[in-house]
Amino acid sequence: LTTSLAKNTALQELDLGCNFSITVTGWAPLLSLLRSPSCNLKNISLNENTIDYDVTVALVASLADNHTLTKLSLCGNPSITTPGFVAISTLLQIQGTHLEHLDLGENELDDDVAVALSNSLANNCSLKTLILNDNPSITTTGFVALSAIFRNPDTQLSFLDLRENNINDDSAIAIATSLTNNHKLKTLSLGTPPPFTSTGWAAFSRLLCNTSSINNTYLSNHTLESFDSSIRSVPGTEKVRMCLELNKIDKRCKKHKILLAHFMGRFSMEHFADMKVELLVHVLAWISKSGFKDKSRKGSCRISQSALFHFIKSEPSLFGRLDKTGSNAKGGVRRLADSGTDGKVCKKMRI
């Protein structure tokens, strides 16, 4: 196989999984091919073999000079041991690496490996998928370290698989907190059901829609789309599920989250207490244009209409002044009504 591959420049994917009889003697020349300038392999799967530390060292040495490989799968090779996986993590530190997908699932990884991966990914800008499923020896210490990956402004990580791990509330909080300013991760796979409690879910709820202020809602995470598992039956996740759907299907999710968090029902008027009338005109215009448009809801502007109605009924004195100053805003305030249902009011008022 090694002799044949040495002459091949077209092969891009190679799957050598489940070959338990290959020893160091067989792996060494095969992996040395990765150093060849003529090697065009992009995807190598070495899942479920008996690869040990010595083979891992040879693999790392070969990939250090490789500039074509983008996907490496080493799932189910616990015989690599912690020193071997720490060595593999150094591949992510190599300047110019093109590795985009790394699968280290089912390998009995521990906190030392998690810390090594975190350190290596601190400045990495190529990896997009990291699979660490079924590594129950990783504790809160390891997950706290891994969460630091998302503070790297250059990270490209969009998929992280943490299924079948012992993620407790402290781990969930650390991960959620680190994702606050992250704009890349779309899928965080946590298994069914995720192993933490309502305390952990509360952290993800704040991540996706921080309701402490309008500004904090605006600055919430609007990128995460899925936990890659069904959480419909998990109590207390209704808000999380709604926010994930908004992130997934609606480019205007920031506006919708603000509307839902701060302008539902009889909302507080404290946001507008010291606001200048000229600015209020623009606020009202924004509210009127922020209704849902997804076809699954009847009445695409129902929430906007309700918010406007509550605003008018709560502060009727403002509208005498708005009628005089509205011409400064786009469209102005053309017509006002002081009674009727919220739907009728919104039909009579144009902003």
Protein backbone atom coordinates (compact mmCIF):
# COMPACT_ATOMS: atom_id res chain seq x y z
CA LEU A 1 0.00 0.00 0.00
CA THR A 2 2.80 2.40 0.85
CA THR A 3 4.57 1.68 -2.44
CA SER A 4 1.39 2.26 -4.44
CA LEU A 5 0.47 5.47 -2.64
CA ALA A 6 3.94 6.88 -3.17
CA LYS A 7 3.16 7.09 -6.89
CA ASN A 8 -0.41 8.31 -6.50
CA THR A 9 -1.14 12.04 -6.62
CA ALA A 10 -4.91 11.89 -7.09
CA LEU A 11 -6.08 10.20 -3.87
CA GLN A 12 -7.59 12.66 -1.38
CA GLU A 13 -9.34 10.42 1.16
CA LEU A 14 -7.92 7.39 2.96
CA ASP A 15 -9.82 5.30 5.52
CA LEU A 16 -7.71 2.81 7.49
CA GLY A 17 -10.10 2.34 10.38
CA CYS A 18 -10.41 -0.96 12.28
CA ASN A 19 -7.06 -2.44 11.23
CA PHE A 20 -5.97 -3.82 14.57
CA SER A 21 -3.15 -5.93 13.14
CA ILE A 22 -1.11 -3.01 11.81
CA THR A 23 1.83 -2.41 14.16
CA VAL A 24 4.45 0.32 14.42
CA THR A 25 6.39 -1.43 11.64
CA GLY A 26 3.48 -0.97 9.25
CA TRP A 27 2.37 2.49 10.33
CA ALA A 28 5.78 4.20 10.16
CA PRO A 29 6.38 3.98 6.36
CA LEU A 30 2.71 4.64 5.64
CA LEU A 31 2.62 7.82 7.68
CA SER A 32 5.92 8.98 6.23
CA LEU A 33 4.06 9.48 2.94
CA LEU A 34 2.41 12.51 4.49
CA ARG A 35 5.74 14.30 4.26
CA SER A 36 5.95 13.84 0.51
CA PRO A 37 5.46 17.01 -1.56
CA SER A 38 3.36 14.94 -3.97
CA CYS A 39 0.90 13.89 -1.25
CA ASN A 40 -2.57 15.35 -1.85
CA LEU A 41 -4.44 13.58 0.92
CA LYS A 42 -7.04 15.80 2.56
CA ASN A 43 -8.87 13.32 4.76
CA ILE A 44 -7.37 10.48 6.82
CA SER A 45 -9.46 8.25 9.07
CA LEU A 46 -7.55 6.10 11.56
CA ASN A 47 -10.52 5.30 13.78
CA GLU A 48 -10.56 2.29 16.11
CA ASN A 49 -7.03 1.01 15.67
CA THR A 50 -4.37 0.05 18.19
CA ILE A 51 -2.28 3.14 17.56
CA ASP A 52 0.12 3.76 20.44
CA TYR A 53 2.31 6.62 21.54
CA ASP A 54 5.21 5.73 19.20
CA VAL A 55 2.92 5.72 16.14
CA THR A 56 1.43 9.01 17.30
CA VAL A 57 4.88 10.61 17.48
CA ALA A 58 5.54 9.46 13.88
CA LEU A 59 2.15 10.84 12.80
CA VAL A 60 2.79 14.23 14.39
CA ALA A 61 6.26 14.43 12.82
CA SER A 62 4.84 13.65 9.38
CA LEU A 63 1.96 16.12 9.64
CA ALA A 64 4.26 18.91 10.81
CA ASP A 65 5.45 19.26 7.20
CA ASN A 66 2.09 18.53 5.56
CA HIS A 67 0.07 21.35 4.05
CA THR A 68 -2.82 19.49 2.43
CA LEU A 69 -4.54 17.53 5.22
CA THR A 70 -7.78 19.15 6.45
CA LYS A 71 -9.46 16.25 8.28
CA LEU A 72 -7.95 13.84 10.82
CA SER A 73 -10.03 11.21 12.64
CA LEU A 74 -8.55 9.28 15.56
CA CYS A 75 -11.75 8.17 17.28
CA GLY A 76 -11.45 5.07 19.46
CA ASN A 77 -7.69 4.95 19.98
CA PRO A 78 -7.27 5.18 23.77
CA SER A 79 -3.91 3.37 23.50
CA ILE A 80 -2.46 6.68 22.25
CA THR A 81 -2.56 7.77 25.94
CA THR A 82 -2.39 11.29 27.34
CA PRO A 83 1.20 12.12 26.20
CA GLY A 84 0.26 11.13 22.65
CA PHE A 85 -2.85 13.29 22.56
CA VAL A 86 -0.92 16.21 24.01
CA ALA A 87 1.53 15.75 21.12
CA ILE A 88 -1.38 15.74 18.63
CA SER A 89 -2.63 19.02 20.06
CA THR A 90 0.64 20.68 19.03
CA LEU A 91 -0.39 20.22 15.39
CA LEU A 92 -2.91 22.99 15.95
CA GLN A 93 -0.10 25.38 16.88
CA ILE A 94 1.77 24.97 13.61
CA GLN A 95 1.65 28.16 11.61
CA GLY A 96 0.02 27.56 8.25
CA THR A 97 -1.80 24.37 9.30
CA HIS A 98 -4.89 23.61 7.20
CA LEU A 99 -6.47 21.18 9.66
CA GLU A 100 -10.20 21.94 9.82
CA HIS A 101 -11.65 18.77 11.37
CA LEU A 102 -10.23 16.83 14.34
CA ASP A 103 -12.02 13.80 15.83
CA LEU A 104 -10.72 12.62 19.20
CA GLY A 105 -13.91 10.98 20.44
CA GLU A 106 -13.98 7.84 22.62
CA ASN A 107 -10.35 8.13 23.69
CA GLU A 108 -10.44 8.42 27.48
CA LEU A 109 -9.12 11.96 27.27
CA ASP A 110 -8.48 13.71 30.59
CA ASP A 111 -8.06 17.27 31.83
CA ASP A 112 -4.41 17.41 30.75
CA VAL A 113 -5.42 16.81 27.14
CA ALA A 114 -8.25 19.35 27.41
CA VAL A 115 -5.82 21.98 28.70
CA ALA A 116 -3.32 21.15 25.93
CA LEU A 117 -6.04 21.48 23.27
CA SER A 118 -7.15 24.80 24.73
CA ASN A 119 -3.61 26.16 24.72
CA SER A 120 -3.03 25.02 21.15
CA LEU A 121 -6.29 26.54 19.92
CA ALA A 122 -5.66 29.87 21.62
CA ASN A 123 -4.30 31.30 18.37
CA ASN A 124 -5.58 28.76 15.85
CA CYS A 125 -7.63 30.10 12.93
CA SER A 126 -8.20 26.95 10.84
CA LEU A 127 -10.05 24.34 12.93
CA LYS A 128 -13.82 24.34 12.31
CA THR A 129 -14.91 21.02 13.83
CA LEU A 130 -13.71 19.46 17.10
CA ILE A 131 -15.19 16.15 18.24
CA LEU A 132 -14.58 15.17 21.87
CA ASN A 133 -17.58 12.93 22.52
CA ASP A 134 -17.52 10.11 25.07
CA ASN A 135 -14.54 11.25 27.14
CA PRO A 136 -16.03 11.08 30.66
CA SER A 137 -12.66 11.56 32.38
CA ILE A 138 -12.72 15.26 31.46
CA THR A 139 -13.88 17.17 34.55
CA THR A 140 -14.96 20.75 35.18
CA THR A 141 -11.30 21.77 35.11
CA GLY A 142 -10.98 20.52 31.56
CA PHE A 143 -14.22 22.11 30.34
CA VAL A 144 -13.33 25.45 31.89
CA ALA A 145 -10.03 25.27 30.00
CA LEU A 146 -11.77 24.31 26.74
CA SER A 147 -14.22 27.20 27.08
CA ALA A 148 -11.30 29.62 26.68
CA ILE A 149 -11.14 28.57 23.01
CA PHE A 150 -14.12 30.81 22.30
CA ARG A 151 -12.31 33.88 23.57
CA ASN A 152 -9.90 33.62 20.66
CA PRO A 153 -11.13 36.36 18.28
CA ASP A 154 -9.72 34.45 15.31
CA THR A 155 -11.29 31.07 16.10
CA GLN A 156 -13.21 29.46 13.24
CA LEU A 157 -14.69 26.67 15.37
CA SER A 158 -18.33 26.25 14.30
CA PHE A 159 -19.04 22.70 15.58
CA LEU A 160 -18.07 21.27 18.99
CA ASP A 161 -19.17 17.76 19.98
CA LEU A 162 -19.27 17.16 23.74
CA ARG A 163 -21.82 14.34 23.84
CA GLU A 164 -21.58 11.62 26.50
CA ASN A 165 -19.40 13.69 28.81
CA ASN A 166 -19.83 14.67 32.45
CA ILE A 167 -20.82 18.29 31.89
CA ASN A 168 -22.17 19.64 35.18
CA ASP A 169 -23.65 23.06 35.93
CA ASP A 170 -20.26 24.68 36.54
CA SER A 171 -19.01 23.40 33.18
CA ALA A 172 -22.16 24.58 31.41
CA ILE A 173 -21.87 28.04 32.98
CA ALA A 174 -18.20 28.33 31.94
CA ILE A 175 -19.01 27.35 28.35
CA ALA A 176 -22.04 29.64 28.12
CA THR A 177 -20.13 32.60 29.57
CA SER A 178 -17.23 32.16 27.13
CA LEU A 179 -19.63 32.19 24.16
CA THR A 180 -20.97 35.67 24.95
CA ASN A 181 -18.84 37.43 22.34
CA ASN A 182 -18.35 34.46 20.03
CA HIS A 183 -19.73 34.77 16.49
CA LYS A 184 -18.61 31.45 14.97
CA LEU A 185 -19.98 28.46 16.91
CA LYS A 186 -23.26 27.30 15.39
CA THR A 187 -23.60 23.80 16.87
CA LEU A 188 -22.74 22.71 20.40
CA SER A 189 -23.55 19.01 20.63
CA LEU A 190 -24.40 18.09 24.22
CA GLY A 191 -26.22 14.76 23.94
CA THR A 192 -29.79 13.75 24.78
CA PRO A 193 -30.59 14.85 27.35
CA PRO A 194 -27.73 17.16 28.34
CA PRO A 195 -26.43 16.14 31.79
CA PHE A 196 -26.74 19.46 33.65
CA THR A 197 -29.66 21.00 35.54
CA SER A 198 -31.83 24.11 35.26
CA THR A 199 -28.91 26.14 36.62
CA GLY A 200 -26.86 25.31 33.55
CA TRP A 201 -29.80 26.01 31.25
CA ALA A 202 -30.27 29.40 32.88
CA ALA A 203 -26.72 30.28 31.81
CA PHE A 204 -27.48 29.34 28.19
CA SER A 205 -30.73 31.29 28.40
CA ARG A 206 -28.80 34.41 29.45
CA LEU A 207 -26.28 33.76 26.71
CA LEU A 208 -28.93 33.68 23.99
CA CYS A 209 -31.07 36.50 25.34
CA ASN A 210 -29.81 38.58 28.26
CA THR A 211 -32.88 40.48 29.40
CA SER A 212 -31.19 42.68 32.00
CA SER A 213 -31.32 45.62 29.58
CA ILE A 214 -32.11 46.35 25.94
CA ASN A 215 -28.42 46.84 25.23
CA ASN A 216 -27.50 43.50 26.80
CA THR A 217 -30.20 41.78 24.76
CA TYR A 218 -28.70 43.34 21.65
CA LEU A 219 -25.23 42.11 22.68
CA SER A 220 -26.42 38.54 23.38
CA ASN A 221 -25.27 35.57 21.29
CA HIS A 222 -27.16 35.46 17.99
CA THR A 223 -24.98 32.82 16.31
CA LEU A 224 -25.53 29.54 18.18
CA GLU A 225 -28.25 27.57 16.37
CA SER A 226 -28.35 24.07 17.81
CA PHE A 227 -27.41 21.77 20.65
CA ASP A 228 -27.66 18.92 18.14
CA SER A 229 -30.08 17.10 20.44
CA SER A 230 -33.72 17.14 21.40
CA ILE A 231 -34.33 19.36 24.43
CA ARG A 232 -38.06 19.72 23.85
CA SER A 233 -38.82 17.45 26.80
CA VAL A 234 -36.33 19.17 29.13
CA PRO A 235 -38.17 21.44 31.62
CA GLY A 236 -37.27 25.11 31.57
CA THR A 237 -35.78 25.18 28.07
CA GLU A 238 -38.65 26.91 26.25
CA LYS A 239 -36.80 30.24 25.99
CA VAL A 240 -33.59 28.52 24.91
CA ARG A 241 -35.41 26.63 22.15
CA MET A 242 -37.11 29.79 20.91
CA CYS A 243 -33.84 31.74 20.80
CA LEU A 244 -32.06 28.94 18.92
CA GLU A 245 -34.84 28.96 16.32
CA LEU A 246 -34.63 32.73 15.99
CA ASN A 247 -30.86 32.50 15.49
CA LYS A 248 -31.34 29.80 12.88
CA ILE A 249 -34.11 31.22 10.70
CA ASP A 250 -34.19 34.95 11.15
CA LYS A 251 -31.54 37.46 10.18
CA ARG A 252 -33.34 40.06 12.29
CA CYS A 253 -33.23 37.97 15.45
CA LYS A 254 -31.69 40.84 17.44
CA LYS A 255 -34.78 42.96 16.87
CA HIS A 256 -37.15 40.12 17.62
CA LYS A 257 -35.39 39.22 20.88
CA ILE A 258 -35.52 42.85 22.03
CA LEU A 259 -39.21 43.03 21.15
CA LEU A 260 -40.02 39.80 22.98
CA ALA A 261 -37.89 40.59 26.04
CA HIS A 262 -38.79 44.24 26.55
CA PHE A 263 -42.00 45.08 24.66
CA MET A 264 -44.36 42.23 25.46
CA GLY A 265 -47.61 42.87 27.31
CA ARG A 266 -47.63 45.79 29.75
CA PHE A 267 -43.91 46.47 29.54
CA SER A 268 -42.10 49.05 31.67
CA MET A 269 -41.90 52.58 30.28
CA GLU A 270 -38.69 53.33 32.20
CA HIS A 271 -36.64 52.89 29.01
CA PHE A 272 -38.22 56.07 27.65
CA ALA A 273 -38.38 58.19 30.81
CA ASP A 274 -35.59 60.60 29.84
CA MET A 275 -35.66 60.08 26.07
CA LYS A 276 -35.99 63.14 23.85
CA VAL A 277 -39.14 63.38 21.79
CA GLU A 278 -37.18 63.47 18.55
CA LEU A 279 -35.63 60.12 19.43
CA LEU A 280 -38.96 58.65 20.53
CA VAL A 281 -40.27 59.05 16.99
CA HIS A 282 -37.51 56.79 15.72
CA VAL A 283 -38.11 54.29 18.53
CA LEU A 284 -41.78 54.04 17.62
CA ALA A 285 -40.89 53.63 13.97
CA TRP A 286 -38.50 50.82 14.88
CA ILE A 287 -41.13 49.04 16.98
CA SER A 288 -43.68 49.27 14.20
CA LYS A 289 -41.33 47.58 11.74
CA SER A 290 -40.08 44.83 14.04
CA GLY A 291 -42.92 42.32 13.87
CA PHE A 292 -42.41 38.63 13.08
CA LYS A 293 -42.65 37.70 9.45
CA ASP A 294 -42.32 33.94 9.62
CA LYS A 295 -45.35 32.24 8.11
CA SER A 296 -45.83 29.97 11.11
CA ARG A 297 -47.37 32.88 13.02
CA LYS A 298 -50.74 34.41 12.21
CA GLY A 299 -50.58 38.18 12.06
CA SER A 300 -46.96 38.96 11.30
CA CYS A 301 -46.93 42.22 13.33
CA ARG A 302 -49.06 41.15 16.28
CA ILE A 303 -46.39 41.82 18.92
CA SER A 304 -45.47 45.16 17.35
CA GLN A 305 -49.11 46.24 17.32
CA SER A 306 -49.57 45.28 20.96
CA ALA A 307 -46.41 47.17 21.93
CA LEU A 308 -47.48 50.30 20.09
CA PHE A 309 -50.93 50.16 21.63
CA HIS A 310 -49.48 49.87 25.14
CA PHE A 311 -47.09 52.73 24.44
CA ILE A 312 -49.89 55.03 23.27
CA LYS A 313 -52.20 54.18 26.16
CA SER A 314 -49.40 54.61 28.74
CA GLU A 315 -48.09 57.95 27.50
CA PRO A 316 -50.91 59.72 25.61
CA SER A 317 -49.49 63.12 26.48
CA LEU A 318 -46.46 62.47 24.29
CA PHE A 319 -48.44 62.29 21.12
CA GLY A 320 -49.50 65.90 21.09
CA ARG A 321 -45.80 66.77 20.97
CA LEU A 322 -45.00 63.96 18.55
CA ASP A 323 -47.58 65.27 16.12
CA LYS A 324 -45.70 68.56 16.03
CA THR A 325 -42.20 67.11 15.82
CA GLY A 326 -42.85 63.93 13.84
CA SER A 327 -42.07 65.54 10.52
CA ASN A 328 -38.38 65.41 11.48
CA ALA A 329 -38.43 61.60 11.36
CA LYS A 330 -38.81 59.47 8.29
CA GLY A 331 -42.51 59.24 7.58
CA GLY A 332 -43.43 61.27 10.68
CA VAL A 333 -46.56 60.62 12.70
CA ARG A 334 -49.40 61.02 10.25
CA ARG A 335 -52.40 60.10 12.29
CA LEU A 336 -53.13 59.25 15.92
CA ALA A 337 -55.99 57.52 17.73
CA ASP A 338 -56.74 57.49 21.42
CA SER A 339 -59.05 54.48 21.65
CA GLY A 340 -59.91 51.15 20.15
CA THR A 341 -58.24 47.76 20.03
CA ASP A 342 -54.51 47.51 19.47
CA GLY A 343 -55.04 46.32 15.91
CA LYS A 344 -57.36 49.23 15.10
CA VAL A 345 -54.99 51.74 16.65
CA CYS A 346 -52.09 50.52 14.56
CA LYS A 347 -54.13 50.74 11.40
CA LYS A 348 -54.97 54.37 12.20
CA MET A 349 -51.46 55.35 13.19
CA ARG A 350 -48.75 55.52 10.55
CA ILE A 351 -45.09 55.96 11.50
